[in-house]
């Protein structure tokens, strides 16, 4: 008996820009990106901590670095990354405990994570600057 193999027509390349992710998948990817961003920015944050705690002169360097608009924008992005990573991490812990794994609950919790992280970023950002 001869076996007939049927080959599926698969794309030669994957067009990532055409894939439409559901909201929970988008939150998952943002969770990974924010974690990687926080890890990669750790040397910059440690530099800022060192400049702020060393002496009065080094605190002036810290103040000069942080007062620059680009640094403020970077720190605001880091604030969002931390808050999103924290909120999404809580969501994923709840999912690991089988809370909210139904489709509608997962979609609404993903929406809540995005909204809460953005609102907290705006509130804390306005308060700090």
Foldseek 3Di string as FASTA:
>chain_A
DDDDDDDDDDDPDDDPVPDDDALLVVLVVLLVVLVVVLVVCVVVVVQLVCLCPPDPVSVVVSVVQCVDPVNLVVVLVNQLSVQLNVLVVVVVVCVVVVHQPDPVSSNVSSVVSVVVSVVVSVVVSVVVD
